[in-house]
PDB file of N, CA and C in Angstrom:
ATOM      1  N   MET A   1      65.239  42.446 194.273  1.00  0.00           N
ATOM      2  CA  MET A   1      64.514  43.700 194.193  1.00  0.00           C
ATOM      3  C   MET A   1      64.910  44.403 192.899  1.00  0.00           C
ATOM      4  N   SER A   2      63.984  44.929 192.212  1.00  0.00           N
ATOM      5  CA  SER A   2      64.224  45.610 190.952  1.00  0.00           C
ATOM      6  C   SER A   2      64.694  47.040 191.203  1.00  0.00           C
ATOM      7  N   THR A   3      65.594  47.499 190.372  1.00  0.00           N
ATOM      8  CA  THR A   3      66.069  48.876 190.521  1.00  0.00           C
ATOM      9  C   THR A   3      65.092  49.881 189.928  1.00  0.00           C
ATOM     10  N   ASN A   4      64.100  49.422 189.207  1.00  0.00           N
ATOM     11  CA  ASN A   4      63.129  50.330 188.602  1.00  0.00           C
ATOM     12  C   ASN A   4      62.347  51.103 189.659  1.00  0.00           C
ATOM     13  N   SER A   5      62.068  50.472 190.793  1.00  0.00           N
ATOM     14  CA  SER A   5      61.316  51.173 191.829  1.00  0.00           C
ATOM     15  C   SER A   5      62.182  52.203 192.547  1.00  0.00           C
ATOM     16  N   VAL A   6      63.492  51.980 192.581  1.00  0.00           N
ATOM     17  CA  VAL A   6      64.400  52.894 193.260  1.00  0.00           C
ATOM     18  C   VAL A   6      64.838  54.022 192.331  1.00  0.00           C
ATOM     19  N   MET A   7      65.163  53.656 191.112  1.00  0.00           N
ATOM     20  CA  MET A   7      65.677  54.632 190.156  1.00  0.00           C
ATOM     21  C   MET A   7      64.570  55.030 189.190  1.00  0.00           C
ATOM     22  N   ASP A   8      64.559  56.268 188.835  1.00  0.00           N
ATOM     23  CA  ASP A   8      63.600  56.741 187.848  1.00  0.00           C
ATOM     24  C   ASP A   8      64.197  56.478 186.472  1.00  0.00           C
ATOM     25  N   THR A   9      63.827  55.364 185.874  1.00  0.00           N
ATOM     26  CA  THR A   9      64.388  55.014 184.574  1.00  0.00           C
ATOM     27  C   THR A   9      63.382  55.318 183.493  1.00  0.00           C
ATOM     28  N   ASN A  10      63.869  55.904 182.452  1.00  0.00           N
ATOM     29  CA  ASN A  10      63.037  56.220 181.311  1.00  0.00           C
ATOM     30  C   ASN A  10      63.290  55.151 180.262  1.00  0.00           C
ATOM     31  N   LYS A  11      62.260  54.426 179.879  1.00  0.00           N
ATOM     32  CA  LYS A  11      62.449  53.303 178.974  1.00  0.00           C
ATOM     33  C   LYS A  11      62.496  53.726 177.510  1.00  0.00           C
ATOM     34  N   GLN A  12      62.308  54.990 177.226  1.00  0.00           N
ATOM     35  CA  GLN A  12      62.380  55.435 175.843  1.00  0.00           C
ATOM     36  C   GLN A  12      63.832  55.437 175.389  1.00  0.00           C
ATOM     37  N   ARG A  13      64.036  54.950 174.192  1.00  0.00           N
ATOM     38  CA  ARG A  13      65.392  54.930 173.632  1.00  0.00           C
ATOM     39  C   ARG A  13      65.730  56.307 173.109  1.00  0.00           C
ATOM     40  N   ARG A  14      67.011  56.651 173.236  1.00  0.00           N
ATOM     41  CA  ARG A  14      67.472  57.929 172.690  1.00  0.00           C
ATOM     42  C   ARG A  14      67.517  57.819 171.179  1.00  0.00           C
ATOM     43  N   ARG A  15      67.028  58.824 170.522  1.00  0.00           N
ATOM     44  CA  ARG A  15      67.081  58.848 169.066  1.00  0.00           C
ATOM     45  C   ARG A  15      68.266  59.686 168.636  1.00  0.00           C
ATOM     46  N   HIS A  16      68.952  59.218 167.625  1.00  0.00           N
ATOM     47  CA  HIS A  16      70.064  59.974 167.076  1.00  0.00           C
ATOM     48  C   HIS A  16      69.519  61.051 166.164  1.00  0.00           C
ATOM     49  N   ARG A  17      70.042  62.228 166.325  1.00  0.00           N
ATOM     50  CA  ARG A  17      69.611  63.319 165.471  1.00  0.00           C
ATOM     51  C   ARG A  17      70.270  63.174 164.104  1.00  0.00           C
ATOM     52  N   SER A  18      69.530  63.493 163.114  1.00  0.00           N
ATOM     53  CA  SER A  18      70.049  63.440 161.754  1.00  0.00           C
ATOM     54  C   SER A  18      70.338  64.865 161.301  1.00  0.00           C
ATOM     55  N   TRP A  19      71.596  65.136 161.030  1.00  0.00           N
ATOM     56  CA  TRP A  19      72.006  66.473 160.631  1.00  0.00           C
ATOM     57  C   TRP A  19      72.218  66.512 159.116  1.00  0.00           C
ATOM     58  N   PRO A  20      71.651  67.485 158.431  1.00  0.00           N
ATOM     59  CA  PRO A  20      71.886  67.610 156.989  1.00  0.00           C
ATOM     60  C   PRO A  20      73.362  67.908 156.704  1.00  0.00           C
ATOM     61  N   GLU A  21      73.863  67.373 155.594  1.00  0.00           N
ATOM     62  CA  GLU A  21      75.270  67.571 155.233  1.00  0.00           C
ATOM     63  C   GLU A  21      75.627  69.051 155.174  1.00  0.00           C
ATOM     64  N   ALA A  22      74.764  69.860 154.613  1.00  0.00           N
ATOM     65  CA  ALA A  22      75.045  71.297 154.472  1.00  0.00           C
ATOM     66  C   ALA A  22      75.214  71.955 155.840  1.00  0.00           C
ATOM     67  N   LEU A  23      74.394  71.550 156.804  1.00  0.00           N
ATOM     68  CA  LEU A  23      74.504  72.124 158.144  1.00  0.00           C
ATOM     69  C   LEU A  23      75.786  71.662 158.833  1.00  0.00           C
ATOM     70  N   LYS A  24      76.169  70.387 158.640  1.00  0.00           N
ATOM     71  CA  LYS A  24      77.422  69.890 159.215  1.00  0.00           C
ATOM     72  C   LYS A  24      78.596  70.713 158.689  1.00  0.00           C
ATOM     73  N   ARG A  25      78.591  70.942 157.380  1.00  0.00           N
ATOM     74  CA  ARG A  25      79.686  71.711 156.773  1.00  0.00           C
ATOM     75  C   ARG A  25      79.682  73.156 157.274  1.00  0.00           C
ATOM     76  N   GLU A  26      78.503  73.712 157.481  1.00  0.00           N
ATOM     77  CA  GLU A  26      78.393  75.075 158.009  1.00  0.00           C
ATOM     78  C   GLU A  26      78.976  75.159 159.418  1.00  0.00           C
ATOM     79  N   ILE A  27      78.668  74.162 160.239  1.00  0.00           N
ATOM     80  CA  ILE A  27      79.184  74.128 161.614  1.00  0.00           C
ATOM     81  C   ILE A  27      80.700  73.992 161.603  1.00  0.00           C
ATOM     82  N   VAL A  28      81.215  73.101 160.753  1.00  0.00           N
ATOM     83  CA  VAL A  28      82.669  72.924 160.648  1.00  0.00           C
ATOM     84  C   VAL A  28      83.321  74.227 160.202  1.00  0.00           C
ATOM     85  N   ALA A  29      82.746  74.887 159.218  1.00  0.00           N
ATOM     86  CA  ALA A  29      83.307  76.154 158.728  1.00  0.00           C
ATOM     87  C   ALA A  29      83.321  77.206 159.840  1.00  0.00           C
ATOM     88  N   ALA A  30      82.295  77.207 160.679  1.00  0.00           N
ATOM     89  CA  ALA A  30      82.242  78.178 161.780  1.00  0.00           C
ATOM     90  C   ALA A  30      83.350  77.927 162.793  1.00  0.00           C
ATOM     91  N   THR A  31      83.770  76.670 162.957  1.00  0.00           N
ATOM     92  CA  THR A  31      84.838  76.374 163.920  1.00  0.00           C
ATOM     93  C   THR A  31      86.214  76.708 163.368  1.00  0.00           C
ATOM     94  N   LEU A  32      86.327  76.846 162.046  1.00  0.00           N
ATOM     95  CA  LEU A  32      87.632  77.106 161.432  1.00  0.00           C
ATOM     96  C   LEU A  32      87.939  78.593 161.309  1.00  0.00           C
ATOM     97  N   VAL A  33      87.002  79.435 161.681  1.00  0.00           N
ATOM     98  CA  VAL A  33      87.232  80.880 161.649  1.00  0.00           C
ATOM     99  C   VAL A  33      88.240  81.228 162.744  1.00  0.00           C
ATOM    100  N   PRO A  34      89.274  82.025 162.416  1.00  0.00           N
ATOM    101  CA  PRO A  34      90.258  82.387 163.449  1.00  0.00           C
ATOM    102  C   PRO A  34      89.585  83.027 164.670  1.00  0.00           C
ATOM    103  N   GLY A  35      89.962  82.529 165.835  1.00  0.00           N
ATOM    104  CA  GLY A  35      89.426  83.053 167.091  1.00  0.00           C
ATOM    105  C   GLY A  35      88.169  82.341 167.559  1.00  0.00           C
ATOM    106  N   SER A  36      87.630  81.418 166.748  1.00  0.00           N
ATOM    107  CA  SER A  36      86.420  80.717 167.174  1.00  0.00           C
ATOM    108  C   SER A  36      86.773  79.567 168.104  1.00  0.00           C
ATOM    109  N   SER A  37      85.782  79.084 168.814  1.00  0.00           N
ATOM    110  CA  SER A  37      85.955  77.979 169.751  1.00  0.00           C
ATOM    111  C   SER A  37      84.977  76.874 169.370  1.00  0.00           C
ATOM    112  N   VAL A  38      85.474  75.646 169.282  1.00  0.00           N
ATOM    113  CA  VAL A  38      84.600  74.521 168.942  1.00  0.00           C
ATOM    114  C   VAL A  38      83.498  74.395 169.984  1.00  0.00           C
ATOM    115  N   SER A  39      83.841  74.589 171.243  1.00  0.00           N
ATOM    116  CA  SER A  39      82.853  74.469 172.310  1.00  0.00           C
ATOM    117  C   SER A  39      81.736  75.491 172.154  1.00  0.00           C
ATOM    118  N   LEU A  40      82.096  76.742 171.864  1.00  0.00           N
ATOM    119  CA  LEU A  40      81.071  77.782 171.709  1.00  0.00           C
ATOM    120  C   LEU A  40      80.216  77.550 170.470  1.00  0.00           C
ATOM    121  N   VAL A  41      80.825  77.149 169.379  1.00  0.00           N
ATOM    122  CA  VAL A  41      80.067  76.871 168.155  1.00  0.00           C
ATOM    123  C   VAL A  41      79.123  75.701 168.396  1.00  0.00           C
ATOM    124  N   ALA A  42      79.615  74.657 169.084  1.00  0.00           N
ATOM    125  CA  ALA A  42      78.776  73.493 169.373  1.00  0.00           C
ATOM    126  C   ALA A  42      77.572  73.889 170.223  1.00  0.00           C
ATOM    127  N   ARG A  43      77.792  74.724 171.231  1.00  0.00           N
ATOM    128  CA  ARG A  43      76.680  75.184 172.064  1.00  0.00           C
ATOM    129  C   ARG A  43      75.679  76.000 171.256  1.00  0.00           C
ATOM    130  N   HIS A  44      76.196  76.849 170.367  1.00  0.00           N
ATOM    131  CA  HIS A  44      75.327  77.692 169.542  1.00  0.00           C
ATOM    132  C   HIS A  44      74.394  76.838 168.681  1.00  0.00           C
ATOM    133  N   TYR A  45      74.912  75.746 168.123  1.00  0.00           N
ATOM    134  CA  TYR A  45      74.121  74.879 167.258  1.00  0.00           C
ATOM    135  C   TYR A  45      73.470  73.722 168.021  1.00  0.00           C
ATOM    136  N   ASP A  46      73.663  73.679 169.337  1.00  0.00           N
ATOM    137  CA  ASP A  46      73.118  72.619 170.188  1.00  0.00           C
ATOM    138  C   ASP A  46      73.609  71.239 169.731  1.00  0.00           C
ATOM    139  N   VAL A  47      74.935  71.131 169.591  1.00  0.00           N
ATOM    140  CA  VAL A  47      75.587  69.887 169.176  1.00  0.00           C
ATOM    141  C   VAL A  47      76.656  69.556 170.209  1.00  0.00           C
ATOM    142  N   ASN A  48      76.918  68.280 170.412  1.00  0.00           N
ATOM    143  CA  ASN A  48      77.991  67.862 171.293  1.00  0.00           C
ATOM    144  C   ASN A  48      79.331  68.243 170.649  1.00  0.00           C
ATOM    145  N   ALA A  49      80.247  68.784 171.435  1.00  0.00           N
ATOM    146  CA  ALA A  49      81.546  69.227 170.901  1.00  0.00           C
ATOM    147  C   ALA A  49      82.328  68.069 170.291  1.00  0.00           C
ATOM    148  N   ASN A  50      82.234  66.868 170.870  1.00  0.00           N
ATOM    149  CA  ASN A  50      82.934  65.713 170.295  1.00  0.00           C
ATOM    150  C   ASN A  50      82.416  65.392 168.897  1.00  0.00           C
ATOM    151  N   GLN A  51      81.116  65.587 168.684  1.00  0.00           N
ATOM    152  CA  GLN A  51      80.538  65.362 167.358  1.00  0.00           C
ATOM    153  C   GLN A  51      81.100  66.369 166.362  1.00  0.00           C
ATOM    154  N   VAL A  52      81.270  67.605 166.812  1.00  0.00           N
ATOM    155  CA  VAL A  52      81.824  68.652 165.939  1.00  0.00           C
ATOM    156  C   VAL A  52      83.265  68.313 165.570  1.00  0.00           C
ATOM    157  N   PHE A  53      84.042  67.832 166.533  1.00  0.00           N
ATOM    158  CA  PHE A  53      85.415  67.433 166.220  1.00  0.00           C
ATOM    159  C   PHE A  53      85.432  66.305 165.193  1.00  0.00           C
ATOM    160  N   ALA A  54      84.508  65.361 165.299  1.00  0.00           N
ATOM    161  CA  ALA A  54      84.427  64.268 164.312  1.00  0.00           C
ATOM    162  C   ALA A  54      84.089  64.826 162.933  1.00  0.00           C
ATOM    163  N   TRP A  55      83.183  65.783 162.874  1.00  0.00           N
ATOM    164  CA  TRP A  55      82.843  66.402 161.590  1.00  0.00           C
ATOM    165  C   TRP A  55      84.025  67.180 161.034  1.00  0.00           C
ATOM    166  N   ARG A  56      84.793  67.810 161.906  1.00  0.00           N
ATOM    167  CA  ARG A  56      85.973  68.548 161.423  1.00  0.00           C
ATOM    168  C   ARG A  56      86.964  67.595 160.772  1.00  0.00           C
ATOM    169  N   ARG A  57      87.152  66.418 161.374  1.00  0.00           N
ATOM    170  CA  ARG A  57      88.056  65.431 160.769  1.00  0.00           C
ATOM    171  C   ARG A  57      87.518  64.977 159.417  1.00  0.00           C
ATOM    172  N   ARG A  58      86.201  64.810 159.328  1.00  0.00           N
ATOM    173  CA  ARG A  58      85.599  64.310 158.095  1.00  0.00           C
ATOM    174  C   ARG A  58      85.539  65.379 157.002  1.00  0.00           C
ATOM    175  N   TYR A  59      85.085  66.574 157.346  1.00  0.00           N
ATOM    176  CA  TYR A  59      84.832  67.593 156.324  1.00  0.00           C
ATOM    177  C   TYR A  59      85.908  68.661 156.234  1.00  0.00           C
ATOM    178  N   GLY A  60      86.559  68.956 157.342  1.00  0.00           N
ATOM    179  CA  GLY A  60      87.538  70.043 157.338  1.00  0.00           C
ATOM    180  C   GLY A  60      88.901  69.594 156.874  1.00  0.00           C
ATOM    181  N   GLY A  61      89.276  68.366 157.217  1.00  0.00           N
ATOM    182  CA  GLY A  61      90.592  67.860 156.856  1.00  0.00           C
ATOM    183  C   GLY A  61      91.663  68.537 157.687  1.00  0.00           C
ATOM    184  N   ALA A  62      92.839  67.921 157.766  1.00  0.00           N
ATOM    185  CA  ALA A  62      93.948  68.455 158.572  1.00  0.00           C
ATOM    186  C   ALA A  62      94.454  69.764 158.004  1.00  0.00           C
ATOM    187  N   ALA A  63      94.432  69.907 156.663  1.00  0.00           N
ATOM    188  CA  ALA A  63      94.977  71.122 156.054  1.00  0.00           C
ATOM    189  C   ALA A  63      94.083  72.326 156.322  1.00  0.00           C
ATOM    190  N   ALA A  64      92.779  72.089 156.561  1.00  0.00           N
ATOM    191  CA  ALA A  64      91.866  73.208 156.788  1.00  0.00           C
ATOM    192  C   ALA A  64      91.939  73.731 158.216  1.00  0.00           C
ATOM    193  N   GLU A  65      92.450  72.925 159.133  1.00  0.00           N
ATOM    194  CA  GLU A  65      92.535  73.357 160.520  1.00  0.00           C
ATOM    195  C   GLU A  65      93.681  74.341 160.702  1.00  0.00           C
ATOM    196  N   PRO A  66      93.485  75.350 161.535  1.00  0.00           N
ATOM    197  CA  PRO A  66      94.592  76.274 161.799  1.00  0.00           C
ATOM    198  C   PRO A  66      95.759  75.512 162.401  1.00  0.00           C
ATOM    199  N   GLY A  67      96.953  75.759 161.900  1.00  0.00           N
ATOM    200  CA  GLY A  67      98.133  75.063 162.396  1.00  0.00           C
ATOM    201  C   GLY A  67      98.190  73.627 161.915  1.00  0.00           C
ATOM    202  N   GLY A  68      97.437  73.309 160.870  1.00  0.00           N
ATOM    203  CA  GLY A  68      97.411  71.946 160.342  1.00  0.00           C
ATOM    204  C   GLY A  68      98.695  71.617 159.599  1.00  0.00           C
ATOM    205  N   LEU A  69      98.654  70.513 158.915  1.00  0.00           N
ATOM    206  CA  LEU A  69      99.834  70.045 158.198  1.00  0.00           C
ATOM    207  C   LEU A  69     100.144  70.955 157.018  1.00  0.00           C
ATOM    208  N   GLN A  70     101.425  71.150 156.777  1.00  0.00           N
ATOM    209  CA  GLN A  70     101.872  71.938 155.642  1.00  0.00           C
ATOM    210  C   GLN A  70     103.010  71.198 154.967  1.00  0.00           C
ATOM    211  N   LEU A  71     103.104  71.337 153.651  1.00  0.00           N
ATOM    212  CA  LEU A  71     104.208  70.739 152.924  1.00  0.00           C
ATOM    213  C   LEU A  71     105.413  71.672 152.987  1.00  0.00           C
ATOM    214  N   MET A  72     106.569  71.100 153.164  1.00  0.00           N
ATOM    215  CA  MET A  72     107.803  71.872 153.234  1.00  0.00           C
ATOM    216  C   MET A  72     108.726  71.412 152.117  1.00  0.00           C
ATOM    217  N   PRO A  73     109.502  72.320 151.526  1.00  0.00           N
ATOM    218  CA  PRO A  73     110.444  71.893 150.489  1.00  0.00           C
ATOM    219  C   PRO A  73     111.571  71.067 151.105  1.00  0.00           C
ATOM    220  N   VAL A  74     111.992  70.038 150.366  1.00  0.00           N
ATOM    221  CA  VAL A  74     113.045  69.146 150.835  1.00  0.00           C
ATOM    222  C   VAL A  74     114.103  69.046 149.754  1.00  0.00           C
ATOM    223  N   THR A  75     115.371  69.118 150.157  1.00  0.00           N
ATOM    224  CA  THR A  75     116.483  68.938 149.232  1.00  0.00           C
ATOM    225  C   THR A  75     117.243  67.694 149.648  1.00  0.00           C
ATOM    226  N   VAL A  76     117.389  66.754 148.732  1.00  0.00           N
ATOM    227  CA  VAL A  76     118.114  65.520 149.018  1.00  0.00           C
ATOM    228  C   VAL A  76     119.538  65.690 148.510  1.00  0.00           C
ATOM    229  N   MET A  77     120.506  65.463 149.403  1.00  0.00           N
ATOM    230  CA  MET A  77     121.913  65.594 149.045  1.00  0.00           C
ATOM    231  C   MET A  77     122.586  64.249 149.214  1.00  0.00           C
ATOM    232  N   PRO A  78     123.607  63.961 148.406  1.00  0.00           N
ATOM    233  CA  PRO A  78     124.300  62.671 148.538  1.00  0.00           C
ATOM    234  C   PRO A  78     125.042  62.599 149.869  1.00  0.00           C
ATOM    235  N   ASP A  79     125.184  61.360 150.374  1.00  0.00           N
ATOM    236  CA  ASP A  79     125.934  61.146 151.606  1.00  0.00           C
ATOM    237  C   ASP A  79     127.383  61.545 151.404  1.00  0.00           C
ATOM    238  N   GLN A  80     128.001  61.992 152.507  1.00  0.00           N
ATOM    239  CA  GLN A  80     129.417  62.341 152.456  1.00  0.00           C
ATOM    240  C   GLN A  80     130.224  61.046 152.520  1.00  0.00           C
ATOM    241  N   PRO A  81     131.216  60.877 151.664  1.00  0.00           N
ATOM    242  CA  PRO A  81     132.021  59.654 151.711  1.00  0.00           C
ATOM    243  C   PRO A  81     132.663  59.468 153.081  1.00  0.00           C
ATOM    244  N   VAL A  82     132.776  58.213 153.504  1.00  0.00           N
ATOM    245  CA  VAL A  82     133.370  57.889 154.795  1.00  0.00           C
ATOM    246  C   VAL A  82     134.840  58.287 154.783  1.00  0.00           C
ATOM    247  N   GLY A  83     135.288  58.881 155.869  1.00  0.00           N
ATOM    248  CA  GLY A  83     136.697  59.246 155.991  1.00  0.00           C
ATOM    249  C   GLY A  83     136.983  60.679 155.568  1.00  0.00           C
ATOM    250  N   THR A  84     135.993  61.367 155.056  1.00  0.00           N
ATOM    251  CA  THR A  84     136.213  62.764 154.697  1.00  0.00           C
ATOM    252  C   THR A  84     135.440  63.641 155.656  1.00  0.00           C
ATOM    253  N   ALA A  85     136.036  64.721 156.024  1.00  0.00           N
ATOM    254  CA  ALA A  85     135.386  65.667 156.916  1.00  0.00           C
ATOM    255  C   ALA A  85     135.015  66.902 156.120  1.00  0.00           C
ATOM    256  N   SER A  86     133.953  67.562 156.549  1.00  0.00           N
ATOM    257  CA  SER A  86     133.567  68.783 155.860  1.00  0.00           C
ATOM    258  C   SER A  86     134.631  69.854 156.092  1.00  0.00           C
ATOM    259  N   ALA A  87     134.681  70.834 155.216  1.00  0.00           N
ATOM    260  CA  ALA A  87     135.718  71.863 155.270  1.00  0.00           C
ATOM    261  C   ALA A  87     135.721  72.569 156.619  1.00  0.00           C
ATOM    262  N   GLY A  88     136.866  72.657 157.246  1.00  0.00           N
ATOM    263  CA  GLY A  88     137.019  73.374 158.504  1.00  0.00           C
ATOM    264  C   GLY A  88     136.684  72.552 159.734  1.00  0.00           C
ATOM    265  N   ALA A  89     136.188  71.343 159.543  1.00  0.00           N
ATOM    266  CA  ALA A  89     135.834  70.524 160.703  1.00  0.00           C
ATOM    267  C   ALA A  89     137.032  69.697 161.139  1.00  0.00           C
ATOM    268  N   SER A  90     137.332  69.700 162.416  1.00  0.00           N
ATOM    269  CA  SER A  90     138.407  68.853 162.929  1.00  0.00           C
ATOM    270  C   SER A  90     137.766  67.821 163.845  1.00  0.00           C
ATOM    271  N   GLU A  91     138.193  66.596 163.702  1.00  0.00           N
ATOM    272  CA  GLU A  91     137.621  65.533 164.504  1.00  0.00           C
ATOM    273  C   GLU A  91     138.420  65.361 165.781  1.00  0.00           C
ATOM    274  N   LEU A  92     137.704  65.199 166.873  1.00  0.00           N
ATOM    275  CA  LEU A  92     138.329  65.001 168.169  1.00  0.00           C
ATOM    276  C   LEU A  92     137.521  63.946 168.901  1.00  0.00           C
ATOM    277  N   ILE A  93     138.219  62.906 169.358  1.00  0.00           N
ATOM    278  CA  ILE A  93     137.572  61.841 170.122  1.00  0.00           C
ATOM    279  C   ILE A  93     138.063  61.947 171.550  1.00  0.00           C
ATOM    280  N   GLU A  94     137.114  61.899 172.490  1.00  0.00           N
ATOM    281  CA  GLU A  94     137.483  61.935 173.897  1.00  0.00           C
ATOM    282  C   GLU A  94     137.045  60.628 174.538  1.00  0.00           C
ATOM    283  N   ILE A  95     138.008  59.934 175.181  1.00  0.00           N
ATOM    284  CA  ILE A  95     137.748  58.660 175.843  1.00  0.00           C
ATOM    285  C   ILE A  95     137.980  58.867 177.330  1.00  0.00           C
ATOM    286  N   VAL A  96     136.949  58.553 178.135  1.00  0.00           N
ATOM    287  CA  VAL A  96     137.038  58.778 179.574  1.00  0.00           C
ATOM    288  C   VAL A  96     137.046  57.439 180.294  1.00  0.00           C
ATOM    289  N   PHE A  97     138.127  57.194 181.036  1.00  0.00           N
ATOM    290  CA  PHE A  97     138.230  56.016 181.897  1.00  0.00           C
ATOM    291  C   PHE A  97     137.947  56.474 183.320  1.00  0.00           C
ATOM    292  N   ALA A  98     138.029  55.551 184.275  1.00  0.00           N
ATOM    293  CA  ALA A  98     137.747  55.890 185.671  1.00  0.00           C
ATOM    294  C   ALA A  98     138.661  57.005 186.173  1.00  0.00           C
ATOM    295  N   SER A  99     139.949  56.926 185.859  1.00  0.00           N
ATOM    296  CA  SER A  99     140.873  57.949 186.360  1.00  0.00           C
ATOM    297  C   SER A  99     141.686  58.600 185.244  1.00  0.00           C
ATOM    298  N   TYR A 100     141.330  58.368 183.986  1.00  0.00           N
ATOM    299  CA  TYR A 100     142.077  58.932 182.855  1.00  0.00           C
ATOM    300  C   TYR A 100     141.106  59.519 181.832  1.00  0.00           C
ATOM    301  N   ARG A 101     141.567  60.511 181.158  1.00  0.00           N
ATOM    302  CA  ARG A 101     140.835  61.088 180.034  1.00  0.00           C
ATOM    303  C   ARG A 101     141.813  61.220 178.875  1.00  0.00           C
ATOM    304  N   VAL A 102     141.467  60.648 177.736  1.00  0.00           N
ATOM    305  CA  VAL A 102     142.333  60.673 176.565  1.00  0.00           C
ATOM    306  C   VAL A 102     141.603  61.409 175.455  1.00  0.00           C
ATOM    307  N   ARG A 103     142.260  62.414 174.898  1.00  0.00           N
ATOM    308  CA  ARG A 103     141.705  63.121 173.738  1.00  0.00           C
ATOM    309  C   ARG A 103     142.571  62.805 172.536  1.00  0.00           C
ATOM    310  N   VAL A 104     141.898  62.343 171.473  1.00  0.00           N
ATOM    311  CA  VAL A 104     142.613  61.918 170.286  1.00  0.00           C
ATOM    312  C   VAL A 104     142.191  62.807 169.131  1.00  0.00           C
ATOM    313  N   GLY A 105     143.170  63.438 168.496  1.00  0.00           N
ATOM    314  CA  GLY A 105     142.890  64.290 167.341  1.00  0.00           C
ATOM    315  C   GLY A 105     142.867  63.489 166.058  1.00  0.00           C
ATOM    316  N   ASP A 106     142.575  64.153 164.950  1.00  0.00           N
ATOM    317  CA  ASP A 106     142.428  63.462 163.675  1.00  0.00           C
ATOM    318  C   ASP A 106     143.753  63.059 163.034  1.00  0.00           C
ATOM    319  N   GLY A 107     144.895  63.497 163.579  1.00  0.00           N
ATOM    320  CA  GLY A 107     146.181  63.153 162.984  1.00  0.00           C
ATOM    321  C   GLY A 107     146.874  61.972 163.625  1.00  0.00           C
ATOM    322  N   VAL A 108     146.249  61.298 164.600  1.00  0.00           N
ATOM    323  CA  VAL A 108     146.875  60.192 165.321  1.00  0.00           C
ATOM    324  C   VAL A 108     146.778  58.917 164.502  1.00  0.00           C
ATOM    325  N   LYS A 109     147.875  58.171 164.463  1.00  0.00           N
ATOM    326  CA  LYS A 109     147.886  56.898 163.752  1.00  0.00           C
ATOM    327  C   LYS A 109     147.121  55.860 164.556  1.00  0.00           C
ATOM    328  N   ARG A 110     146.547  54.930 163.853  1.00  0.00           N
ATOM    329  CA  ARG A 110     145.767  53.876 164.479  1.00  0.00           C
ATOM    330  C   ARG A 110     146.624  53.035 165.421  1.00  0.00           C
ATOM    331  N   SER A 111     147.837  52.708 165.023  1.00  0.00           N
ATOM    332  CA  SER A 111     148.708  51.871 165.851  1.00  0.00           C
ATOM    333  C   SER A 111     149.078  52.578 167.151  1.00  0.00           C
ATOM    334  N   THR A 112     149.289  53.873 167.085  1.00  0.00           N
ATOM    335  CA  THR A 112     149.637  54.639 168.289  1.00  0.00           C
ATOM    336  C   THR A 112     148.457  54.669 169.260  1.00  0.00           C
ATOM    337  N   LEU A 113     147.273  54.876 168.748  1.00  0.00           N
ATOM    338  CA  LEU A 113     146.079  54.890 169.588  1.00  0.00           C
ATOM    339  C   LEU A 113     145.869  53.527 170.238  1.00  0.00           C
ATOM    340  N   ARG A 114     146.076  52.455 169.488  1.00  0.00           N
ATOM    341  CA  ARG A 114     145.919  51.104 170.039  1.00  0.00           C
ATOM    342  C   ARG A 114     146.897  50.866 171.178  1.00  0.00           C
ATOM    343  N   LEU A 115     148.137  51.346 171.025  1.00  0.00           N
ATOM    344  CA  LEU A 115     149.152  51.194 172.060  1.00  0.00           C
ATOM    345  C   LEU A 115     148.746  51.940 173.329  1.00  0.00           C
ATOM    346  N   VAL A 116     148.256  53.170 173.189  1.00  0.00           N
ATOM    347  CA  VAL A 116     147.829  53.968 174.356  1.00  0.00           C
ATOM    348  C   VAL A 116     146.665  53.285 175.061  1.00  0.00           C
ATOM    349  N   LEU A 117     145.704  52.795 174.320  1.00  0.00           N
ATOM    350  CA  LEU A 117     144.550  52.141 174.937  1.00  0.00           C
ATOM    351  C   LEU A 117     144.936  50.848 175.639  1.00  0.00           C
ATOM    352  N   ASP A 118     145.852  50.094 175.058  1.00  0.00           N
ATOM    353  CA  ASP A 118     146.313  48.854 175.692  1.00  0.00           C
ATOM    354  C   ASP A 118     147.014  49.139 177.024  1.00  0.00           C
ATOM    355  N   VAL A 119     147.871  50.171 177.044  1.00  0.00           N
ATOM    356  CA  VAL A 119     148.567  50.523 178.279  1.00  0.00           C
ATOM    357  C   VAL A 119     147.582  50.954 179.349  1.00  0.00           C
ATOM    358  N   LEU A 120     146.606  51.791 178.986  1.00  0.00           N
ATOM    359  CA  LEU A 120     145.626  52.259 179.974  1.00  0.00           C
ATOM    360  C   LEU A 120     144.725  51.134 180.463  1.00  0.00           C
ATOM    361  N   GLU A 121     144.429  50.187 179.613  1.00  0.00           N
ATOM    362  CA  GLU A 121     143.587  49.050 179.978  1.00  0.00           C
ATOM    363  C   GLU A 121     144.268  48.175 181.033  1.00  0.00           C
ATOM    364  N   GLN A 122     145.596  48.085 180.990  1.00  0.00           N
ATOM    365  CA  GLN A 122     146.333  47.249 181.928  1.00  0.00           C
ATOM    366  C   GLN A 122     146.445  47.889 183.303  1.00  0.00           C
ATOM    367  N   ARG A 123     146.231  49.156 183.438  1.00  0.00           N
ATOM    368  CA  ARG A 123     146.359  49.846 184.736  1.00  0.00           C
ATOM    369  C   ARG A 123     145.176  49.631 185.603  1.00  0.00           C
TER     370      ARG A 123
END
């Protein structure tokens, strides 16, 4: 059984509307006004809102959109050499075992720390 008798199908193909470039740009500009809504502008011009968003990407660019991308100044500084701490910073390492907590300051010798860890590991 054919669905044509059940459903009212229109065999005419939908035609795509052709919008002049100047009108597309005008619509995009209307959406970029502070306080405007893409949905309301699209309704005013009888355009699908998704089409307006596509035009905004094409003609408005990210920088033209409110809250769009902005360039920020960047200062590149050399890395701090390994083993040096910034002024006033003290290094503290905290190691937590099941029943022990060890805090190691920056003045502890490596051999002493190794001895403490070995003893705790054996317990």
